[in-house]
């Protein structure tokens, strides 16, 4: 008994470009998360910009780091004694609940100090 060979019918898949994540005939869609679409450092830049505009404080150094559950602030700030609630400002801008504040707060100097001797005489 001889078996007849029958050709199997094969559904051909339309060719797809390698960089085409979703073929045109597909019902699947890919959406990019918001954090990828915007600048990855947008929050840090917005915090720095807003804090630099606050009245009564002057940053000598400011580092803003994003953490998984909030924002961390490091740096040195001079204040005239009327310092705003920096953590509250950061919470509003970054839309986070946790702000780790590692800022060193110093009073504004009467004058700029150019040497250790000038600085020592200004605190006596």
PDB file of N, CA and C in Angstrom:
ATOM      1  N   UNK A   1       0.842  -1.158   0.000  1.00  0.00           N
ATOM      2  CA  UNK A   1       0.000   0.000   0.000  1.00  0.00           C
ATOM      3  C   UNK A   1       0.894   1.230   0.000  1.00  0.00           C
ATOM      4  N   UNK A   2       0.607   2.035  -0.952  1.00  0.00           N
ATOM      5  CA  UNK A   2       1.401   3.228  -1.134  1.00  0.00           C
ATOM      6  C   UNK A   2       0.661   4.443  -0.592  1.00  0.00           C
ATOM      7  N   UNK A   3       1.355   5.194   0.234  1.00  0.00           N
ATOM      8  CA  UNK A   3       0.732   6.411   0.755  1.00  0.00           C
ATOM      9  C   UNK A   3       1.000   7.574  -0.186  1.00  0.00           C
ATOM     10  N   UNK A   4      -0.010   8.340  -0.368  1.00  0.00           N
ATOM     11  CA  UNK A   4       0.194   9.535  -1.199  1.00  0.00           C
ATOM     12  C   UNK A   4       0.621  10.688  -0.295  1.00  0.00           C
ATOM     13  N   UNK A   5       1.601  11.372  -0.765  1.00  0.00           N
ATOM     14  CA  UNK A   5       2.076  12.526   0.006  1.00  0.00           C
ATOM     15  C   UNK A   5       1.237  13.736  -0.373  1.00  0.00           C
ATOM     16  N   UNK A   6       0.637  14.317   0.625  1.00  0.00           N
ATOM     17  CA  UNK A   6      -0.161  15.517   0.384  1.00  0.00           C
ATOM     18  C   UNK A   6       0.600  16.720   0.932  1.00  0.00           C
ATOM     19  N   UNK A   7       0.522  17.778   0.205  1.00  0.00           N
ATOM     20  CA  UNK A   7       1.158  19.020   0.670  1.00  0.00           C
ATOM     21  C   UNK A   7       0.317  19.610   1.794  1.00  0.00           C
ATOM     22  N   UNK A   8       1.007  19.955   2.860  1.00  0.00           N
ATOM     23  CA  UNK A   8       0.305  20.584   3.977  1.00  0.00           C
ATOM     24  C   UNK A   8       0.114  22.057   3.652  1.00  0.00           C
ATOM     25  N   UNK A   9      -1.029  22.550   3.988  1.00  0.00           N
ATOM     26  CA  UNK A   9      -1.266  23.977   3.762  1.00  0.00           C
ATOM     27  C   UNK A   9      -0.642  24.753   4.923  1.00  0.00           C
ATOM     28  N   UNK A  10       0.123  25.763   4.593  1.00  0.00           N
ATOM     29  CA  UNK A  10       0.824  26.568   5.591  1.00  0.00           C
ATOM     30  C   UNK A  10       0.366  28.010   5.456  1.00  0.00           C
ATOM     31  N   UNK A  11      -0.028  28.597   6.585  1.00  0.00           N
ATOM     32  CA  UNK A  11      -0.380  30.020   6.572  1.00  0.00           C
ATOM     33  C   UNK A  11       0.905  30.821   6.641  1.00  0.00           C
ATOM     34  N   UNK A  12       1.105  31.629   5.660  1.00  0.00           N
ATOM     35  CA  UNK A  12       2.308  32.459   5.643  1.00  0.00           C
ATOM     36  C   UNK A  12       2.085  33.716   6.470  1.00  0.00           C
ATOM     37  N   UNK A  13       3.073  34.038   7.230  1.00  0.00           N
ATOM     38  CA  UNK A  13       3.023  35.261   8.041  1.00  0.00           C
ATOM     39  C   UNK A  13       3.669  36.367   7.231  1.00  0.00           C
ATOM     40  N   UNK A  14       3.025  37.515   7.241  1.00  0.00           N
ATOM     41  CA  UNK A  14       3.569  38.645   6.488  1.00  0.00           C
ATOM     42  C   UNK A  14       4.915  39.031   7.071  1.00  0.00           C
ATOM     43  N   UNK A  15       5.876  39.381   6.217  1.00  0.00           N
ATOM     44  CA  UNK A  15       7.188  39.783   6.725  1.00  0.00           C
ATOM     45  C   UNK A  15       7.070  41.041   7.584  1.00  0.00           C
ATOM     46  N   UNK A  16       7.859  41.084   8.621  1.00  0.00           N
ATOM     47  CA  UNK A  16       7.835  42.203   9.559  1.00  0.00           C
ATOM     48  C   UNK A  16       9.240  42.741   9.694  1.00  0.00           C
ATOM     49  N   UNK A  17       9.351  44.055   9.710  1.00  0.00           N
ATOM     50  CA  UNK A  17      10.662  44.670   9.912  1.00  0.00           C
ATOM     51  C   UNK A  17      11.150  44.352  11.313  1.00  0.00           C
ATOM     52  N   UNK A  18      12.456  44.223  11.464  1.00  0.00           N
ATOM     53  CA  UNK A  18      13.033  43.876  12.765  1.00  0.00           C
ATOM     54  C   UNK A  18      12.715  44.932  13.814  1.00  0.00           C
ATOM     55  N   UNK A  19      12.706  46.207  13.424  1.00  0.00           N
ATOM     56  CA  UNK A  19      12.470  47.271  14.399  1.00  0.00           C
ATOM     57  C   UNK A  19      10.989  47.590  14.568  1.00  0.00           C
ATOM     58  N   UNK A  20      10.106  46.858  13.904  1.00  0.00           N
ATOM     59  CA  UNK A  20       8.670  47.077  14.027  1.00  0.00           C
ATOM     60  C   UNK A  20       8.175  46.279  15.225  1.00  0.00           C
ATOM     61  N   UNK A  21       7.952  46.975  16.344  1.00  0.00           N
ATOM     62  CA  UNK A  21       7.557  46.288  17.568  1.00  0.00           C
ATOM     63  C   UNK A  21       6.164  45.682  17.471  1.00  0.00           C
ATOM     64  N   UNK A  22       5.277  46.340  16.757  1.00  0.00           N
ATOM     65  CA  UNK A  22       3.916  45.850  16.618  1.00  0.00           C
ATOM     66  C   UNK A  22       3.570  45.829  15.136  1.00  0.00           C
ATOM     67  N   UNK A  23       3.397  44.639  14.558  1.00  0.00           N
ATOM     68  CA  UNK A  23       3.032  44.570  13.140  1.00  0.00           C
ATOM     69  C   UNK A  23       1.715  45.295  12.879  1.00  0.00           C
ATOM     70  N   UNK A  24       1.556  45.821  11.692  1.00  0.00           N
ATOM     71  CA  UNK A  24       0.386  46.634  11.377  1.00  0.00           C
ATOM     72  C   UNK A  24      -0.922  45.863  11.510  1.00  0.00           C
ATOM     73  N   UNK A  25      -0.921  44.573  11.297  1.00  0.00           N
ATOM     74  CA  UNK A  25      -2.142  43.791  11.406  1.00  0.00           C
ATOM     75  C   UNK A  25      -2.461  43.341  12.819  1.00  0.00           C
ATOM     76  N   UNK A  26      -1.625  43.669  13.773  1.00  0.00           N
ATOM     77  CA  UNK A  26      -1.792  43.194  15.143  1.00  0.00           C
ATOM     78  C   UNK A  26      -2.767  44.074  15.911  1.00  0.00           C
ATOM     79  N   UNK A  27      -3.441  43.473  16.867  1.00  0.00           N
ATOM     80  CA  UNK A  27      -4.337  44.244  17.733  1.00  0.00           C
ATOM     81  C   UNK A  27      -3.643  44.638  19.036  1.00  0.00           C
ATOM     82  N   UNK A  28      -2.375  44.311  19.166  1.00  0.00           N
ATOM     83  CA  UNK A  28      -1.593  44.631  20.358  1.00  0.00           C
ATOM     84  C   UNK A  28      -1.003  46.024  20.193  1.00  0.00           C
ATOM     85  N   UNK A  29      -0.977  46.777  21.268  1.00  0.00           N
ATOM     86  CA  UNK A  29      -0.331  48.088  21.208  1.00  0.00           C
ATOM     87  C   UNK A  29       0.679  48.195  22.336  1.00  0.00           C
ATOM     88  N   UNK A  30       1.702  48.959  22.101  1.00  0.00           N
ATOM     89  CA  UNK A  30       2.735  49.185  23.114  1.00  0.00           C
ATOM     90  C   UNK A  30       2.700  50.654  23.483  1.00  0.00           C
ATOM     91  N   UNK A  31       2.589  50.914  24.769  1.00  0.00           N
ATOM     92  CA  UNK A  31       2.610  52.289  25.247  1.00  0.00           C
ATOM     93  C   UNK A  31       3.850  52.474  26.091  1.00  0.00           C
ATOM     94  N   UNK A  32       4.519  53.576  25.859  1.00  0.00           N
ATOM     95  CA  UNK A  32       5.711  53.863  26.654  1.00  0.00           C
ATOM     96  C   UNK A  32       5.300  54.469  27.989  1.00  0.00           C
ATOM     97  N   UNK A  33       5.934  54.052  29.064  1.00  0.00           N
ATOM     98  CA  UNK A  33       5.644  54.671  30.360  1.00  0.00           C
ATOM     99  C   UNK A  33       6.023  56.145  30.337  1.00  0.00           C
ATOM    100  N   UNK A  34       5.333  56.936  31.147  1.00  0.00           N
ATOM    101  CA  UNK A  34       5.574  58.383  31.202  1.00  0.00           C
ATOM    102  C   UNK A  34       7.021  58.705  31.541  1.00  0.00           C
ATOM    103  N   UNK A  35       7.635  57.901  32.414  1.00  0.00           N
ATOM    104  CA  UNK A  35       9.007  58.184  32.834  1.00  0.00           C
ATOM    105  C   UNK A  35      10.000  58.041  31.682  1.00  0.00           C
ATOM    106  N   UNK A  36       9.672  57.260  30.656  1.00  0.00           N
ATOM    107  CA  UNK A  36      10.575  57.120  29.519  1.00  0.00           C
ATOM    108  C   UNK A  36      10.383  58.269  28.538  1.00  0.00           C
ATOM    109  N   UNK A  37       9.138  58.731  28.400  1.00  0.00           N
ATOM    110  CA  UNK A  37       8.836  59.785  27.440  1.00  0.00           C
ATOM    111  C   UNK A  37       9.465  61.105  27.861  1.00  0.00           C
ATOM    112  N   UNK A  38       9.358  61.463  29.121  1.00  0.00           N
ATOM    113  CA  UNK A  38       9.913  62.737  29.566  1.00  0.00           C
ATOM    114  C   UNK A  38      11.401  62.605  29.857  1.00  0.00           C
ATOM    115  N   UNK A  39      12.039  63.750  30.015  1.00  0.00           N
ATOM    116  CA  UNK A  39      13.458  63.786  30.343  1.00  0.00           C
ATOM    117  C   UNK A  39      13.671  63.021  31.650  1.00  0.00           C
ATOM    118  N   UNK A  40      14.633  62.096  31.699  1.00  0.00           N
ATOM    119  CA  UNK A  40      14.820  61.302  32.915  1.00  0.00           C
ATOM    120  C   UNK A  40      15.192  62.130  34.139  1.00  0.00           C
ATOM    121  N   UNK A  41      15.691  63.333  33.943  1.00  0.00           N
ATOM    122  CA  UNK A  41      16.075  64.180  35.077  1.00  0.00           C
ATOM    123  C   UNK A  41      15.142  65.378  35.235  1.00  0.00           C
ATOM    124  N   UNK A  42      13.962  65.314  34.660  1.00  0.00           N
ATOM    125  CA  UNK A  42      13.036  66.447  34.691  1.00  0.00           C
ATOM    126  C   UNK A  42      12.636  66.821  36.113  1.00  0.00           C
ATOM    127  N   UNK A  43      12.394  65.836  36.960  1.00  0.00           N
ATOM    128  CA  UNK A  43      11.976  66.132  38.333  1.00  0.00           C
ATOM    129  C   UNK A  43      13.098  66.821  39.091  1.00  0.00           C
ATOM    130  N   UNK A  44      14.317  66.289  38.977  1.00  0.00           N
ATOM    131  CA  UNK A  44      15.452  66.894  39.672  1.00  0.00           C
ATOM    132  C   UNK A  44      15.667  68.336  39.212  1.00  0.00           C
ATOM    133  N   UNK A  45      15.571  68.570  37.914  1.00  0.00           N
ATOM    134  CA  UNK A  45      15.760  69.923  37.377  1.00  0.00           C
ATOM    135  C   UNK A  45      14.657  70.866  37.844  1.00  0.00           C
ATOM    136  N   UNK A  46      13.425  70.388  37.890  1.00  0.00           N
ATOM    137  CA  UNK A  46      12.312  71.222  38.354  1.00  0.00           C
ATOM    138  C   UNK A  46      12.480  71.596  39.820  1.00  0.00           C
ATOM    139  N   UNK A  47      12.926  70.649  40.638  1.00  0.00           N
ATOM    140  CA  UNK A  47      13.153  70.925  42.065  1.00  0.00           C
ATOM    141  C   UNK A  47      14.258  71.964  42.228  1.00  0.00           C
ATOM    142  N   UNK A  48      15.376  71.785  41.529  1.00  0.00           N
ATOM    143  CA  UNK A  48      16.494  72.749  41.617  1.00  0.00           C
ATOM    144  C   UNK A  48      16.045  74.145  41.194  1.00  0.00           C
ATOM    145  N   UNK A  49      15.309  74.219  40.092  1.00  0.00           N
ATOM    146  CA  UNK A  49      14.866  75.513  39.566  1.00  0.00           C
ATOM    147  C   UNK A  49      13.949  76.222  40.556  1.00  0.00           C
ATOM    148  N   UNK A  50      12.994  75.485  41.113  1.00  0.00           N
ATOM    149  CA  UNK A  50      12.042  76.088  42.048  1.00  0.00           C
ATOM    150  C   UNK A  50      12.723  76.513  43.343  1.00  0.00           C
ATOM    151  N   UNK A  51      13.603  75.668  43.887  1.00  0.00           N
ATOM    152  CA  UNK A  51      14.274  76.022  45.141  1.00  0.00           C
ATOM    153  C   UNK A  51      15.200  77.216  44.960  1.00  0.00           C
ATOM    154  N   UNK A  52      15.797  77.364  43.792  1.00  0.00           N
ATOM    155  CA  UNK A  52      16.692  78.505  43.562  1.00  0.00           C
ATOM    156  C   UNK A  52      15.923  79.822  43.517  1.00  0.00           C
ATOM    157  N   UNK A  53      14.604  79.770  43.322  1.00  0.00           N
ATOM    158  CA  UNK A  53      13.782  80.984  43.271  1.00  0.00           C
ATOM    159  C   UNK A  53      13.170  81.346  44.621  1.00  0.00           C
ATOM    160  N   UNK A  54      13.310  80.471  45.616  1.00  0.00           N
ATOM    161  CA  UNK A  54      12.721  80.735  46.930  1.00  0.00           C
ATOM    162  C   UNK A  54      13.391  81.947  47.578  1.00  0.00           C
ATOM    163  N   UNK A  55      12.580  82.786  48.191  1.00  0.00           N
ATOM    164  CA  UNK A  55      13.100  83.988  48.853  1.00  0.00           C
ATOM    165  C   UNK A  55      13.681  83.627  50.218  1.00  0.00           C
ATOM    166  N   UNK A  56      14.749  84.308  50.595  1.00  0.00           N
ATOM    167  CA  UNK A  56      15.343  84.128  51.912  1.00  0.00           C
ATOM    168  C   UNK A  56      16.379  83.027  52.003  1.00  0.00           C
ATOM    169  N   UNK A  57      16.599  82.304  50.916  1.00  0.00           N
ATOM    170  CA  UNK A  57      17.616  81.257  50.932  1.00  0.00           C
ATOM    171  C   UNK A  57      18.498  81.377  49.697  1.00  0.00           C
ATOM    172  N   UNK A  58      19.746  80.977  49.876  1.00  0.00           N
ATOM    173  CA  UNK A  58      20.711  81.002  48.770  1.00  0.00           C
ATOM    174  C   UNK A  58      21.523  79.717  48.858  1.00  0.00           C
ATOM    175  N   UNK A  59      21.457  78.924  47.809  1.00  0.00           N
ATOM    176  CA  UNK A  59      22.164  77.649  47.799  1.00  0.00           C
ATOM    177  C   UNK A  59      23.595  77.845  47.328  1.00  0.00           C
ATOM    178  N   UNK A  60      24.531  77.391  48.146  1.00  0.00           N
ATOM    179  CA  UNK A  60      25.933  77.366  47.733  1.00  0.00           C
ATOM    180  C   UNK A  60      26.201  76.062  46.985  1.00  0.00           C
ATOM    181  N   UNK A  61      25.445  75.047  47.343  1.00  0.00           N
ATOM    182  CA  UNK A  61      25.576  73.728  46.723  1.00  0.00           C
ATOM    183  C   UNK A  61      24.240  73.018  46.905  1.00  0.00           C
ATOM    184  N   UNK A  62      23.749  72.394  45.838  1.00  0.00           N
ATOM    185  CA  UNK A  62      22.494  71.659  45.932  1.00  0.00           C
ATOM    186  C   UNK A  62      22.552  70.446  45.014  1.00  0.00           C
ATOM    187  N   UNK A  63      22.319  69.276  45.601  1.00  0.00           N
ATOM    188  CA  UNK A  63      22.245  68.030  44.838  1.00  0.00           C
ATOM    189  C   UNK A  63      20.869  67.431  45.105  1.00  0.00           C
ATOM    190  N   UNK A  64      20.138  67.150  44.041  1.00  0.00           N
ATOM    191  CA  UNK A  64      18.806  66.559  44.143  1.00  0.00           C
ATOM    192  C   UNK A  64      18.880  65.161  43.548  1.00  0.00           C
ATOM    193  N   UNK A  65      18.543  64.170  44.371  1.00  0.00           N
ATOM    194  CA  UNK A  65      18.580  62.776  43.907  1.00  0.00           C
ATOM    195  C   UNK A  65      17.190  62.169  44.010  1.00  0.00           C
ATOM    196  N   UNK A  66      16.829  61.418  42.991  1.00  0.00           N
ATOM    197  CA  UNK A  66      15.565  60.703  43.032  1.00  0.00           C
ATOM    198  C   UNK A  66      15.808  59.350  43.688  1.00  0.00           C
ATOM    199  N   UNK A  67      14.944  58.991  44.629  1.00  0.00           N
ATOM    200  CA  UNK A  67      14.995  57.690  45.291  1.00  0.00           C
ATOM    201  C   UNK A  67      13.738  56.917  44.887  1.00  0.00           C
ATOM    202  N   UNK A  68      13.720  55.609  45.104  1.00  0.00           N
ATOM    203  CA  UNK A  68      12.524  54.844  44.724  1.00  0.00           C
ATOM    204  C   UNK A  68      11.243  55.345  45.391  1.00  0.00           C
ATOM    205  N   UNK A  69      11.372  55.867  46.614  1.00  0.00           N
ATOM    206  CA  UNK A  69      10.175  56.302  47.333  1.00  0.00           C
ATOM    207  C   UNK A  69      10.164  57.793  47.648  1.00  0.00           C
ATOM    208  N   UNK A  70      10.986  58.593  46.954  1.00  0.00           N
ATOM    209  CA  UNK A  70      10.985  60.024  47.226  1.00  0.00           C
ATOM    210  C   UNK A  70      12.160  60.753  46.616  1.00  0.00           C
ATOM    211  N   UNK A  71      12.525  61.861  47.274  1.00  0.00           N
ATOM    212  CA  UNK A  71      13.602  62.742  46.821  1.00  0.00           C
ATOM    213  C   UNK A  71      14.567  62.962  47.978  1.00  0.00           C
ATOM    214  N   UNK A  72      15.865  63.023  47.675  1.00  0.00           N
ATOM    215  CA  UNK A  72      16.894  63.317  48.677  1.00  0.00           C
ATOM    216  C   UNK A  72      17.578  64.621  48.292  1.00  0.00           C
ATOM    217  N   UNK A  73      17.727  65.524  49.262  1.00  0.00           N
ATOM    218  CA  UNK A  73      18.409  66.800  49.059  1.00  0.00           C
ATOM    219  C   UNK A  73      19.710  66.809  49.841  1.00  0.00           C
ATOM    220  N   UNK A  74      20.799  67.168  49.182  1.00  0.00           N
ATOM    221  CA  UNK A  74      22.100  67.343  49.823  1.00  0.00           C
ATOM    222  C   UNK A  74      22.624  68.705  49.416  1.00  0.00           C
ATOM    223  N   UNK A  75      23.353  69.347  50.332  1.00  0.00           N
ATOM    224  CA  UNK A  75      23.984  70.599  49.952  1.00  0.00           C
ATOM    225  C   UNK A  75      24.107  71.568  51.107  1.00  0.00           C
ATOM    226  N   UNK A  76      24.466  72.795  50.737  1.00  0.00           N
ATOM    227  CA  UNK A  76      24.669  73.869  51.709  1.00  0.00           C
ATOM    228  C   UNK A  76      23.787  75.039  51.297  1.00  0.00           C
ATOM    229  N   UNK A  77      23.019  75.540  52.253  1.00  0.00           N
ATOM    230  CA  UNK A  77      22.124  76.662  51.985  1.00  0.00           C
ATOM    231  C   UNK A  77      22.343  77.742  53.040  1.00  0.00           C
ATOM    232  N   UNK A  78      22.397  78.984  52.577  1.00  0.00           N
ATOM    233  CA  UNK A  78      22.480  80.136  53.484  1.00  0.00           C
ATOM    234  C   UNK A  78      21.088  80.739  53.590  1.00  0.00           C
ATOM    235  N   UNK A  79      20.710  81.116  54.811  1.00  0.00           N
ATOM    236  CA  UNK A  79      19.384  81.684  55.029  1.00  0.00           C
ATOM    237  C   UNK A  79      19.475  82.913  55.912  1.00  0.00           C
ATOM    238  N   UNK A  80      18.510  83.807  55.743  1.00  0.00           N
ATOM    239  CA  UNK A  80      18.459  85.007  56.580  1.00  0.00           C
ATOM    240  C   UNK A  80      17.604  84.766  57.822  1.00  0.00           C
ATOM    241  N   UNK A  81      17.279  83.529  58.094  1.00  0.00           N
ATOM    242  CA  UNK A  81      16.491  83.182  59.271  1.00  0.00           C
ATOM    243  C   UNK A  81      15.034  82.907  58.935  1.00  0.00           C
ATOM    244  N   UNK A  82      14.597  83.339  57.778  1.00  0.00           N
ATOM    245  CA  UNK A  82      13.219  83.133  57.352  1.00  0.00           C
ATOM    246  C   UNK A  82      13.193  82.065  56.264  1.00  0.00           C
ATOM    247  N   UNK A  83      13.557  80.858  56.631  1.00  0.00           N
ATOM    248  CA  UNK A  83      13.706  79.761  55.670  1.00  0.00           C
ATOM    249  C   UNK A  83      12.357  79.085  55.417  1.00  0.00           C
ATOM    250  N   UNK A  84      11.967  78.933  54.153  1.00  0.00           N
ATOM    251  CA  UNK A  84      10.709  78.237  53.855  1.00  0.00           C
ATOM    252  C   UNK A  84      10.830  76.739  54.153  1.00  0.00           C
ATOM    253  N   UNK A  85       9.697  76.074  54.220  1.00  0.00           N
ATOM    254  CA  UNK A  85       9.683  74.623  54.419  1.00  0.00           C
ATOM    255  C   UNK A  85      10.074  73.965  53.094  1.00  0.00           C
ATOM    256  N   UNK A  86      11.356  73.664  52.965  1.00  0.00           N
ATOM    257  CA  UNK A  86      11.906  73.123  51.717  1.00  0.00           C
ATOM    258  C   UNK A  86      11.267  71.778  51.383  1.00  0.00           C
ATOM    259  N   UNK A  87      11.064  70.936  52.378  1.00  0.00           N
ATOM    260  CA  UNK A  87      10.475  69.614  52.134  1.00  0.00           C
ATOM    261  C   UNK A  87       9.066  69.741  51.557  1.00  0.00           C
ATOM    262  N   UNK A  88       8.298  70.699  52.050  1.00  0.00           N
ATOM    263  CA  UNK A  88       6.939  70.912  51.540  1.00  0.00           C
ATOM    264  C   UNK A  88       6.976  71.345  50.073  1.00  0.00           C
ATOM    265  N   UNK A  89       7.888  72.243  49.750  1.00  0.00           N
ATOM    266  CA  UNK A  89       8.036  72.705  48.363  1.00  0.00           C
ATOM    267  C   UNK A  89       8.389  71.534  47.452  1.00  0.00           C
ATOM    268  N   UNK A  90       9.327  70.694  47.885  1.00  0.00           N
ATOM    269  CA  UNK A  90       9.759  69.548  47.076  1.00  0.00           C
ATOM    270  C   UNK A  90       8.611  68.551  46.901  1.00  0.00           C
ATOM    271  N   UNK A  91       7.832  68.315  47.965  1.00  0.00           N
ATOM    272  CA  UNK A  91       6.698  67.390  47.854  1.00  0.00           C
ATOM    273  C   UNK A  91       5.699  67.864  46.797  1.00  0.00           C
ATOM    274  N   UNK A  92       5.455  69.183  46.760  1.00  0.00           N
ATOM    275  CA  UNK A  92       4.511  69.739  45.782  1.00  0.00           C
ATOM    276  C   UNK A  92       5.025  69.573  44.357  1.00  0.00           C
ATOM    277  N   UNK A  93       6.303  69.828  44.147  1.00  0.00           N
ATOM    278  CA  UNK A  93       6.877  69.771  42.802  1.00  0.00           C
ATOM    279  C   UNK A  93       6.988  68.337  42.311  1.00  0.00           C
ATOM    280  N   UNK A  94       7.592  67.475  43.118  1.00  0.00           N
ATOM    281  CA  UNK A  94       7.906  66.108  42.694  1.00  0.00           C
ATOM    282  C   UNK A  94       6.744  65.138  42.885  1.00  0.00           C
ATOM    283  N   UNK A  95       5.690  65.573  43.571  1.00  0.00           N
ATOM    284  CA  UNK A  95       4.533  64.697  43.825  1.00  0.00           C
ATOM    285  C   UNK A  95       4.957  63.417  44.552  1.00  0.00           C
ATOM    286  N   UNK A  96       5.759  63.606  45.613  1.00  0.00           N
ATOM    287  CA  UNK A  96       6.215  62.482  46.427  1.00  0.00           C
ATOM    288  C   UNK A  96       5.836  62.740  47.878  1.00  0.00           C
ATOM    289  N   UNK A  97       5.810  61.690  48.677  1.00  0.00           N
ATOM    290  CA  UNK A  97       5.500  61.825  50.100  1.00  0.00           C
ATOM    291  C   UNK A  97       6.758  61.956  50.947  1.00  0.00           C
ATOM    292  N   UNK A  98       7.855  61.362  50.489  1.00  0.00           N
ATOM    293  CA  UNK A  98       9.070  61.314  51.310  1.00  0.00           C
ATOM    294  C   UNK A  98      10.146  62.232  50.751  1.00  0.00           C
ATOM    295  N   UNK A  99      10.653  63.133  51.609  1.00  0.00           N
ATOM    296  CA  UNK A  99      11.776  64.000  51.259  1.00  0.00           C
ATOM    297  C   UNK A  99      12.829  63.838  52.342  1.00  0.00           C
ATOM    298  N   UNK A 100      14.007  63.368  51.955  1.00  0.00           N
ATOM    299  CA  UNK A 100      15.129  63.235  52.881  1.00  0.00           C
ATOM    300  C   UNK A 100      15.950  64.511  52.747  1.00  0.00           C
ATOM    301  N   UNK A 101      15.998  65.290  53.828  1.00  0.00           N
ATOM    302  CA  UNK A 101      16.637  66.599  53.800  1.00  0.00           C
ATOM    303  C   UNK A 101      17.995  66.524  54.496  1.00  0.00           C
ATOM    304  N   UNK A 102      19.068  66.495  53.715  1.00  0.00           N
ATOM    305  CA  UNK A 102      20.431  66.499  54.249  1.00  0.00           C
ATOM    306  C   UNK A 102      21.099  67.841  53.982  1.00  0.00           C
ATOM    307  N   UNK A 103      20.311  68.920  53.983  1.00  0.00           N
ATOM    308  CA  UNK A 103      20.861  70.249  53.727  1.00  0.00           C
ATOM    309  C   UNK A 103      21.517  70.792  54.992  1.00  0.00           C
ATOM    310  N   UNK A 104      22.687  71.367  54.826  1.00  0.00           N
ATOM    311  CA  UNK A 104      23.358  72.073  55.914  1.00  0.00           C
ATOM    312  C   UNK A 104      22.920  73.527  55.817  1.00  0.00           C
ATOM    313  N   UNK A 105      22.218  74.019  56.836  1.00  0.00           N
ATOM    314  CA  UNK A 105      21.667  75.371  56.824  1.00  0.00           C
ATOM    315  C   UNK A 105      22.586  76.283  57.623  1.00  0.00           C
ATOM    316  N   UNK A 106      23.062  77.344  56.970  1.00  0.00           N
ATOM    317  CA  UNK A 106      23.958  78.312  57.595  1.00  0.00           C
ATOM    318  C   UNK A 106      23.344  79.701  57.509  1.00  0.00           C
ATOM    319  N   UNK A 107      23.639  80.557  58.497  1.00  0.00           N
ATOM    320  CA  UNK A 107      23.133  81.933  58.404  1.00  0.00           C
ATOM    321  C   UNK A 107      23.869  82.692  57.302  1.00  0.00           C
ATOM    322  N   UNK A 108      23.170  83.669  56.707  1.00  0.00           N
ATOM    323  CA  UNK A 108      23.822  84.516  55.705  1.00  0.00           C
ATOM    324  C   UNK A 108      24.948  85.290  56.361  1.00  0.00           C
ATOM    325  N   UNK A 109      26.085  85.363  55.688  1.00  0.00           N
ATOM    326  CA  UNK A 109      27.227  86.124  56.202  1.00  0.00           C
ATOM    327  C   UNK A 109      26.999  87.605  55.919  1.00  0.00           C
ATOM    328  N   UNK A 110      27.502  88.455  56.807  1.00  0.00           N
ATOM    329  CA  UNK A 110      27.400  89.901  56.607  1.00  0.00           C
ATOM    330  C   UNK A 110      28.164  90.319  55.364  1.00  0.00           C
ATOM    331  N   UNK A 111      29.306  89.674  55.144  1.00  0.00           N
ATOM    332  CA  UNK A 111      30.131  89.991  53.980  1.00  0.00           C
ATOM    333  C   UNK A 111      30.733  88.695  53.462  1.00  0.00           C
ATOM    334  N   UNK A 112      31.218  88.747  52.269  1.00  0.00           N
ATOM    335  CA  UNK A 112      31.896  87.583  51.707  1.00  0.00           C
ATOM    336  C   UNK A 112      33.248  87.410  52.384  1.00  0.00           C
ATOM    337  N   UNK A 113      33.600  86.212  52.730  1.00  0.00           N
ATOM    338  CA  UNK A 113      34.884  85.919  53.358  1.00  0.00           C
ATOM    339  C   UNK A 113      35.824  85.342  52.311  1.00  0.00           C
ATOM    340  N   UNK A 114      37.000  85.882  52.231  1.00  0.00           N
ATOM    341  CA  UNK A 114      37.957  85.435  51.228  1.00  0.00           C
ATOM    342  C   UNK A 114      39.108  84.640  51.816  1.00  0.00           C
ATOM    343  N   UNK A 115      39.261  84.636  53.128  1.00  0.00           N
ATOM    344  CA  UNK A 115      40.334  83.869  53.746  1.00  0.00           C
ATOM    345  C   UNK A 115      39.842  83.323  55.080  1.00  0.00           C
ATOM    346  N   UNK A 116      40.613  82.395  55.645  1.00  0.00           N
ATOM    347  CA  UNK A 116      40.251  81.844  56.949  1.00  0.00           C
ATOM    348  C   UNK A 116      40.283  82.916  58.026  1.00  0.00           C
ATOM    349  N   UNK A 117      41.219  83.859  57.916  1.00  0.00           N
ATOM    350  CA  UNK A 117      41.310  84.931  58.915  1.00  0.00           C
ATOM    351  C   UNK A 117      40.073  85.817  58.870  1.00  0.00           C
ATOM    352  N   UNK A 118      39.624  86.156  57.658  1.00  0.00           N
ATOM    353  CA  UNK A 118      38.417  86.970  57.540  1.00  0.00           C
ATOM    354  C   UNK A 118      37.219  86.239  58.133  1.00  0.00           C
ATOM    355  N   UNK A 119      37.127  84.934  57.859  1.00  0.00           N
ATOM    356  CA  UNK A 119      36.014  84.159  58.364  1.00  0.00           C
ATOM    357  C   UNK A 119      36.064  84.098  59.889  1.00  0.00           C
ATOM    358  N   UNK A 120      37.250  83.861  60.460  1.00  0.00           N
ATOM    359  CA  UNK A 120      37.394  83.776  61.916  1.00  0.00           C
ATOM    360  C   UNK A 120      37.002  85.093  62.574  1.00  0.00           C
ATOM    361  N   UNK A 121      37.381  86.204  61.972  1.00  0.00           N
ATOM    362  CA  UNK A 121      37.041  87.499  62.570  1.00  0.00           C
ATOM    363  C   UNK A 121      35.546  87.797  62.434  1.00  0.00           C
ATOM    364  N   UNK A 122      34.895  87.226  61.430  1.00  0.00           N
ATOM    365  CA  UNK A 122      33.471  87.505  61.243  1.00  0.00           C
ATOM    366  C   UNK A 122      32.601  86.765  62.256  1.00  0.00           C
ATOM    367  N   UNK A 123      33.109  85.693  62.870  1.00  0.00           N
ATOM    368  CA  UNK A 123      32.293  84.949  63.830  1.00  0.00           C
ATOM    369  C   UNK A 123      32.612  85.312  65.273  1.00  0.00           C
ATOM    370  N   UNK A 124      33.606  86.164  65.491  1.00  0.00           N
ATOM    371  CA  UNK A 124      33.965  86.549  66.868  1.00  0.00           C
ATOM    372  C   UNK A 124      33.057  87.619  67.400  1.00  0.00           C
TER     373      UNK A 124
END
